[in-house]
Protein backbone atom coordinates (compact mmCIF):
# COMPACT_ATOMS: atom_id res chain seq x y z
CA MET A 1 -1.44 8.98 -23.63
CA ILE A 2 1.61 7.30 -22.43
CA THR A 3 4.19 6.38 -24.88
CA ARG A 4 6.29 3.14 -25.31
CA SER A 5 8.96 4.90 -24.12
CA GLY A 6 7.63 5.78 -21.21
CA ARG A 7 6.34 2.73 -20.49
CA LEU A 8 9.83 1.67 -20.57
CA ASP A 9 11.07 3.61 -18.68
CA ALA A 10 8.54 2.97 -15.82
CA LEU A 11 9.96 -0.42 -16.11
CA LEU A 12 13.44 -0.14 -16.46
CA ILE A 13 13.22 1.95 -13.18
CA TRP A 14 11.54 -0.83 -11.07
CA PHE A 15 12.94 -3.74 -12.39
CA GLY A 16 16.26 -1.94 -11.91
CA LEU A 17 15.25 -0.92 -8.26
CA HIS A 18 14.68 -4.96 -7.51
CA ALA A 19 18.35 -5.81 -9.03
CA GLY A 20 19.93 -2.83 -6.84
CA ILE A 21 18.34 -4.04 -3.83
CA MET A 22 19.43 -7.55 -4.38
CA VAL A 23 22.62 -7.12 -5.05
CA THR A 24 22.83 -4.78 -2.03
CA THR A 25 21.51 -7.82 -0.12
CA LEU A 26 23.40 -10.80 -1.77
CA LEU A 27 26.68 -9.03 -0.69
CA GLY A 28 25.50 -8.97 3.04
CA VAL A 29 24.35 -12.66 3.10
CA ALA A 30 24.82 -16.07 1.73
CA LEU A 31 22.70 -16.81 -1.28
CA ALA A 32 20.92 -19.55 1.08
CA ASP A 33 20.09 -16.94 3.16
CA TYR A 34 18.80 -14.44 0.83
CA LEU A 35 15.02 -15.32 1.48
CA GLY A 36 15.27 -15.79 5.14
CA ARG A 37 16.56 -11.80 5.16
CA TRP A 38 13.06 -10.82 3.58
CA ARG A 39 10.82 -13.37 5.91
CA GLN A 40 10.13 -10.56 8.23
CA TRP A 41 7.02 -9.18 10.08
CA ASP A 42 4.05 -9.47 8.10
CA VAL A 43 5.40 -11.99 5.25
CA VAL A 44 5.20 -14.57 7.94
CA LEU A 45 1.71 -13.74 8.67
CA PHE A 46 0.66 -13.51 4.82
CA ALA A 47 2.59 -17.02 4.35
CA THR A 48 0.76 -18.37 7.26
CA ILE A 49 -2.45 -17.53 5.85
CA ALA A 50 -1.66 -18.56 2.39
CA GLU A 51 -0.37 -22.02 4.08
CA HIS A 52 -2.45 -22.91 6.82
CA GLY A 53 -5.92 -20.35 6.62
CA TYR A 54 -6.79 -18.24 9.29
CA ASP A 55 -6.96 -20.59 11.94
CA GLY A 56 -3.10 -20.39 11.74
CA ASP A 57 -0.24 -22.99 12.10
CA PRO A 58 -1.66 -25.92 14.33
CA ALA A 59 1.65 -26.10 15.75
CA LYS A 60 2.27 -22.74 17.08
CA PRO A 61 0.10 -20.61 19.59
CA HIS A 62 -3.18 -19.05 17.69
CA ASP A 63 -2.81 -16.07 16.44
CA PRO A 64 -6.05 -13.40 16.54
CA GLY A 65 -4.60 -10.77 14.19
CA LEU A 66 -4.78 -12.94 11.37
CA PRO A 67 -8.19 -11.68 10.37
CA ALA A 68 -7.05 -8.02 10.02
CA PHE A 69 -5.30 -9.63 6.41
CA PHE A 70 -7.79 -9.77 3.80
CA PRO A 71 -7.66 -12.98 1.46
CA GLY A 72 -6.20 -11.23 -1.90
CA LEU A 73 -2.63 -11.79 -1.38
CA PRO A 74 -3.02 -15.36 0.41
CA LEU A 75 -4.90 -16.33 -2.20
CA LEU A 76 -2.51 -15.20 -4.78
CA MET A 77 0.22 -16.61 -3.23
CA ARG A 78 -1.34 -20.11 -2.78
CA LEU A 79 -1.85 -20.20 -6.51
CA VAL A 80 2.00 -18.88 -7.34
CA HIS A 81 2.99 -21.69 -4.43
CA LEU A 82 1.83 -24.17 -7.53
CA VAL A 83 4.76 -23.50 -9.12
CA VAL A 84 7.46 -22.00 -6.49
CA PRO A 85 7.77 -23.90 -3.99
CA ASP A 86 9.09 -21.06 -1.07
CA TRP A 87 6.32 -19.03 0.29
CA THR A 88 8.60 -15.75 0.56
CA ALA A 89 9.77 -16.07 -3.17
CA ALA A 90 6.08 -16.66 -3.91
CA GLY A 91 5.05 -13.32 -2.22
CA MET A 92 7.68 -11.80 -3.68
CA LEU A 93 7.37 -12.75 -7.28
CA ILE A 94 3.52 -11.59 -6.81
CA SER A 95 5.30 -8.01 -5.74
CA LEU A 96 7.51 -7.80 -8.31
CA VAL A 97 4.92 -8.50 -11.20
CA ALA A 98 2.51 -6.27 -9.55
CA GLY A 99 4.48 -3.94 -9.26
CA ALA A 100 5.28 -3.81 -12.62
CA VAL A 101 1.80 -3.43 -13.27
CA ALA A 102 1.54 -0.80 -11.28
CA VAL A 103 4.33 1.79 -12.00
CA VAL A 104 3.26 1.74 -15.62
CA ALA A 105 -0.29 2.30 -14.51
CA LEU A 106 1.18 5.20 -12.53
CA ALA A 107 3.55 6.71 -15.25
CA ARG A 108 0.11 6.34 -17.47
CA LEU A 109 -1.75 8.46 -15.14
CA ALA A 110 0.78 11.22 -14.26
CA GLU A 111 1.52 11.70 -18.56
CA ALA A 112 -2.30 11.69 -18.58
CA GLU A 113 -2.47 14.71 -16.55
CA GLY A 114 0.29 16.73 -18.55
CA ALA A 115 3.26 15.43 -15.96
CA SER A 116 6.35 13.12 -16.47
CA GLY A 117 5.50 9.92 -16.31
CA TRP A 118 9.10 8.70 -14.95
CA MET A 119 9.15 11.43 -12.15
CA ALA A 120 5.80 9.83 -10.66
CA VAL A 121 7.76 6.23 -10.36
CA VAL A 122 10.73 7.58 -8.92
CA ALA A 123 8.50 9.25 -6.25
CA LEU A 124 7.20 6.57 -5.46
CA LEU A 125 10.19 3.99 -5.11
CA LEU A 126 12.15 6.65 -3.89
CA PHE A 127 10.12 7.06 -1.29
CA PRO A 128 11.51 5.84 2.69
CA THR A 129 9.26 2.98 2.82
CA ALA A 130 9.44 1.27 -0.83
CA VAL A 131 10.93 -1.74 0.62
CA PHE A 132 7.85 -2.83 1.48
CA LEU A 133 6.94 -2.96 -2.76
CA THR A 134 9.85 -5.86 -2.87
CA ALA A 135 9.02 -7.76 0.27
CA GLY A 136 5.91 -9.91 0.22
CA TYR A 137 3.52 -7.62 1.74
CA SER A 138 0.34 -6.78 -0.24
CA GLU A 139 1.15 -2.58 -1.39
CA SER A 140 2.09 -3.70 -4.82
CA LEU A 141 -0.80 -5.83 -5.45
CA PHE A 142 -3.39 -3.33 -3.94
CA LEU A 143 -1.05 -0.16 -6.48
CA ALA A 144 -1.84 -2.93 -9.09
CA PHE A 145 -5.93 -3.33 -9.21
CA ALA A 146 -5.96 0.69 -7.51
CA ILE A 147 -4.01 2.74 -10.26
CA PRO A 148 -5.07 1.12 -13.37
CA ALA A 149 -8.92 1.25 -11.67
CA TRP A 150 -8.35 5.20 -11.21
CA LEU A 151 -6.88 5.54 -15.13
CA ALA A 152 -10.29 3.94 -16.11
CA ALA A 153 -12.21 6.14 -14.04
CA ARG A 154 -10.51 8.94 -15.61
CA HIS A 155 -11.11 7.50 -19.12
CA GLY A 156 -14.99 7.07 -18.03
CA ARG A 157 -14.57 3.11 -18.23
CA TRP A 158 -16.56 2.37 -15.36
CA PRO A 159 -17.27 -1.16 -15.57
CA GLN A 160 -13.51 -1.47 -16.11
CA ALA A 161 -13.11 0.72 -13.01
CA ALA A 162 -15.25 -0.98 -10.28
CA MET A 163 -13.67 -4.72 -11.63
CA LEU A 164 -10.08 -3.62 -10.57
CA ALA A 165 -11.20 -1.71 -7.69
CA ALA A 166 -13.47 -5.07 -6.36
CA GLY A 167 -9.80 -6.66 -7.47
CA ALA A 168 -8.25 -3.53 -4.75
CA SER A 169 -10.60 -4.44 -2.15
CA CYS A 170 -9.86 -7.79 -2.01
CA VAL A 171 -6.61 -7.33 -0.85
CA ARG A 172 -6.74 -4.26 1.53
CA ILE A 173 -9.43 -2.74 3.24
CA THR A 174 -8.45 0.42 1.57
CA GLY A 175 -10.19 -0.43 -1.46
CA LEU A 176 -13.05 0.70 0.76
CA PHE A 177 -11.70 4.23 0.91
CA LEU A 178 -10.97 3.52 -3.31
CA ALA A 179 -14.56 2.90 -3.68
CA ALA A 180 -16.06 5.95 -1.94
CA ALA A 181 -13.24 8.05 -4.59
CA LEU A 182 -14.74 6.65 -7.22
CA VAL A 183 -17.68 7.73 -6.25
CA VAL A 184 -16.87 11.06 -5.61
CA GLU A 185 -15.12 11.11 -9.16
CA PHE A 186 -18.36 9.96 -10.39
CA CYS A 187 -20.24 12.40 -9.39
CA VAL A 188 -17.94 15.17 -10.55
CA ARG A 189 -17.68 13.98 -14.28
CA LYS A 190 -21.58 13.99 -13.54
CA GLU A 191 -21.61 10.73 -15.04
CA PRO A 192 -25.00 9.23 -16.46
CA LEU A 193 -26.84 7.53 -13.21
CA ARG A 194 -27.33 4.16 -15.54
CA LYS A 195 -23.85 3.50 -14.43
CA THR A 196 -24.16 3.82 -10.99
CA GLY A 197 -24.71 0.39 -10.33
CA TRP A 198 -21.05 -0.41 -11.13
CA LEU A 199 -20.34 1.49 -8.22
CA VAL A 200 -21.74 -0.83 -5.92
CA LEU A 201 -19.24 -3.72 -7.15
CA PRO A 202 -16.01 -2.47 -5.15
CA LEU A 203 -18.08 -3.40 -2.04
CA VAL A 204 -18.64 -7.39 -2.84
CA PRO A 205 -15.23 -8.26 -1.65
CA LEU A 206 -15.89 -6.66 2.32
CA GLY A 207 -18.99 -8.25 2.15
CA ALA A 208 -17.97 -11.58 0.63
CA TYR A 209 -14.85 -11.46 3.53
CA SER A 210 -17.11 -10.58 6.52
CA ALA A 211 -19.50 -13.00 5.81
CA TYR A 212 -16.64 -15.71 5.83
CA GLN A 213 -15.52 -14.66 9.30
CA TYR A 214 -18.97 -14.61 10.41
CA SER A 215 -19.48 -18.11 9.47
CA ARG A 216 -15.78 -18.67 11.29
CA LEU A 217 -15.82 -16.71 14.20
CA SER A 218 -19.91 -15.34 14.33
CA ASP A 219 -18.33 -11.59 14.17
CA TRP A 220 -19.46 -9.73 10.71
CA LEU A 221 -16.45 -7.18 12.20
CA ALA A 222 -13.79 -9.92 12.59
CA TRP A 223 -11.04 -7.99 10.20
CA MET A 224 -11.63 -5.28 12.31
CA HIS A 225 -11.49 -6.71 15.82
CA ALA A 226 -8.60 -8.36 15.05
CA GLN A 227 -6.82 -5.33 14.70
CA GLU A 228 -7.48 -4.90 18.58
CA ALA A 229 -6.91 -8.42 19.45
CA GLY A 230 -3.65 -8.69 17.67
CA TRP A 231 -2.07 -5.51 18.33
CA GLY A 232 -4.37 -3.63 20.63
CA ARG A 233 -5.21 -0.94 18.29
CA ARG A 234 -9.01 0.17 18.37
CA PHE A 235 -10.83 3.65 17.54
CA THR A 236 -10.00 6.65 19.90
CA TRP A 237 -9.67 10.48 19.41
CA PRO A 238 -6.95 11.89 16.85
CA TRP A 239 -5.34 13.86 20.06
CA GLU A 240 -5.04 10.75 22.34
CA ALA A 241 -3.91 8.81 19.10
CA TRP A 242 -1.32 11.67 18.99
CA ALA A 243 -0.44 11.84 22.53
CA THR A 244 0.04 8.10 22.68
CA SER A 245 2.19 8.06 19.95
CA TRP A 246 4.28 11.10 20.75
CA ARG A 247 5.15 9.73 24.16
CA GLU A 248 6.11 6.79 22.27
CA ALA A 249 8.48 9.10 20.03
CA MET A 250 10.14 10.91 22.90
CA GLY A 251 10.83 7.56 24.72
CA HIS A 252 13.90 5.31 24.50
CA GLY A 253 12.48 2.34 23.81
CA ASP A 254 13.49 -0.27 20.80
CA PHE A 255 10.35 1.57 18.76
CA SER A 256 11.05 5.07 19.80
CA VAL A 257 12.38 5.69 16.22
CA GLY A 258 9.56 4.03 14.78
CA PHE A 259 7.14 6.18 16.16
CA ARG A 260 9.16 9.02 15.29
CA MET A 261 8.53 8.11 11.48
CA GLU A 262 5.02 7.48 12.52
CA ILE A 263 4.62 11.07 13.71
CA VAL A 264 6.03 12.49 10.02
CA GLY A 265 4.17 10.07 8.43
CA ALA A 266 0.45 11.38 9.70
CA VAL A 267 1.76 14.94 9.54
CA VAL A 268 2.32 14.19 5.68
CA SER A 269 -0.81 12.20 5.09
CA VAL A 270 -2.58 15.48 6.82
CA CYS A 271 -0.91 17.50 4.67
CA VAL A 272 -1.17 15.69 1.29
CA THR A 273 -5.19 15.85 2.32
CA VAL A 274 -5.48 19.51 2.64
CA LEU A 275 -3.52 19.93 -0.11
CA LEU A 276 -5.81 18.38 -2.47
CA LEU A 277 -8.81 19.84 -0.91
CA VAL A 278 -6.95 23.57 -1.67
CA LEU A 279 -6.04 22.26 -5.08
CA ARG A 280 -10.20 21.01 -5.35
CA ARG A 281 -9.10 17.67 -6.62
CA TRP A 282 -11.98 16.40 -4.41
CA SER A 283 -11.97 12.51 -5.30
CA GLU A 284 -8.72 12.36 -4.44
CA ALA A 285 -8.90 14.16 -1.30
CA VAL A 286 -10.98 11.64 -0.32
CA TYR A 287 -9.25 8.81 -0.87
CA ALA A 288 -6.09 10.32 0.61
CA GLY A 289 -8.26 11.81 3.82
CA ALA A 290 -10.60 8.39 4.83
CA GLN A 291 -6.98 6.84 4.59
CA ALA A 292 -5.25 9.14 6.73
CA THR A 293 -8.14 9.54 9.10
CA ALA A 294 -8.79 5.65 9.59
CA LEU A 295 -4.77 5.72 10.70
CA LEU A 296 -4.89 9.11 12.75
CA VAL A 297 -7.73 7.36 14.97
CA SER A 298 -6.07 4.63 16.74
CA SER A 299 -4.78 3.64 19.83
CA TYR A 300 -1.45 4.69 18.08
CA TYR A 301 0.09 5.76 15.03
CA LEU A 302 0.86 1.81 12.96
CA SER A 303 2.15 1.63 9.41
CA VAL A 304 1.55 5.64 8.61
CA PRO A 305 4.52 6.00 6.37
CA ARG A 306 3.67 2.68 4.39
CA SER A 307 0.22 3.49 3.88
CA LEU A 308 1.63 6.60 2.01
CA LEU A 309 2.67 4.41 -0.13
CA LEU A 310 -0.85 3.69 -1.35
CA CYS A 311 -1.76 7.30 -1.78
CA PHE A 312 -1.32 7.44 -5.37
CA PRO A 313 -2.39 10.88 -5.49
CA LEU A 314 1.00 12.21 -3.33
CA TRP A 315 3.08 10.69 -6.41
CA LEU A 316 1.10 12.65 -9.10
CA LEU A 317 1.71 15.85 -7.28
CA VAL A 318 5.44 15.33 -6.65
CA ALA A 319 5.55 14.50 -10.60
CA ARG A 320 3.73 17.56 -11.53
CA VAL A 321 5.59 20.00 -9.58
CA ALA A 322 9.07 18.08 -10.66
CA THR A 323 7.76 18.26 -14.28
CA ARG A 324 7.76 21.90 -14.42
CA ARG A 325 10.61 22.41 -12.00
CA PRO A 326 13.13 19.27 -12.48
CA TRP A 327 15.42 20.45 -9.20
CA VAL A 328 12.95 19.10 -7.08
CA MET A 329 12.89 15.69 -8.48
CA VAL A 330 16.89 15.84 -7.71
CA LEU A 331 16.24 17.59 -4.32
CA TYR A 332 13.89 14.75 -3.40
CA ALA A 333 16.02 11.93 -4.75
CA LEU A 334 18.80 13.12 -2.39
CA ASN A 335 17.23 13.96 0.89
CA LEU A 336 14.99 10.61 0.52
CA GLY A 337 17.01 8.18 -1.52
CA PRO A 338 18.93 7.92 1.94
CA LEU A 339 16.24 6.84 4.15
CA MET A 340 14.55 4.15 1.14
CA LEU A 341 18.06 2.59 1.69
CA LEU A 342 18.32 2.80 5.55
CA HIS A 343 14.57 1.47 5.89
CA ALA A 344 15.46 -0.97 3.50
CA SER A 345 18.47 -2.14 5.84
CA LEU A 346 16.55 -1.81 8.91
CA PHE A 347 13.86 -3.78 7.07
CA LEU A 348 16.28 -6.82 6.05
CA ASN A 349 17.90 -7.06 9.62
CA GLY A 350 14.34 -7.44 11.44
CA ARG A 351 14.03 -4.54 12.70
CA TRP A 352 10.73 -2.25 12.45
CA ALA A 353 10.57 -0.09 9.32
CA GLY A 354 7.56 1.38 9.03
């Protein structure tokens, strides 16, 4: 069981990271421009849904990609907006609180496996795309549901695990992969069949959201088709996705560096899945592998490095190795820490950062 000191360490690291990013950002911009720096990319889309719904801002051209975003974060932003008038600030506040929940749960999960809790937290927060845990994106909120759900499942608390996983399914389609992994964990643990009904609960939000979009667009898979309408993404063979992404990465366009990041992220995703299979961590391999597969059979790689933030088994693996060999964490921090700062700078200056 995680100690009180372990919880405190996780929270200090989390809030310390936010304080450092805030100070660094304020050094480069006026206080009045601070929130504007964080109003980038999907932050604008989440705020649009929260303020206007899935029909979008009536004063602007219709965005067919909006249904790709699940309603969990926009609904919560709408609630927080009752006391926080700025939509960007509302999203960042949600990420701040949700991230605190997530890192404490991650530390508990790591220590339950005999690894260092704070090392697992540092591994997550020094990952190059960790800036999205601070911005008004859905990653922190998803992890705030997903990691406690996994922790509850590990302790055999299936009603709690199912309800938390249902919360994760309200936030991202990744909740579907979490639900599949929970089924495998349930089977591996040979739980009583009378508890099987709880495994259906995480699928309910997906069904409800699909029904809602059907009522609007007569399309049960509107959330999936929005990917193609908004970003030209559709299912394709994995070698075709690799070839397209490689071609873009080797070019000289504005997104060539971004595609190189995507390719590295794709390789890491596959390696993590294979390693989990070798270690016979079957349920975690299903979670990581399903997420990787969904991203690697798209027309081209998009947001693969950012999706790795959601792969909590990766942070557990890093913590387990670094607990036995502390120099691994030093090497990890020295190599990935600067990349995290670089990506944060790219994001805050409106450039694509994963």
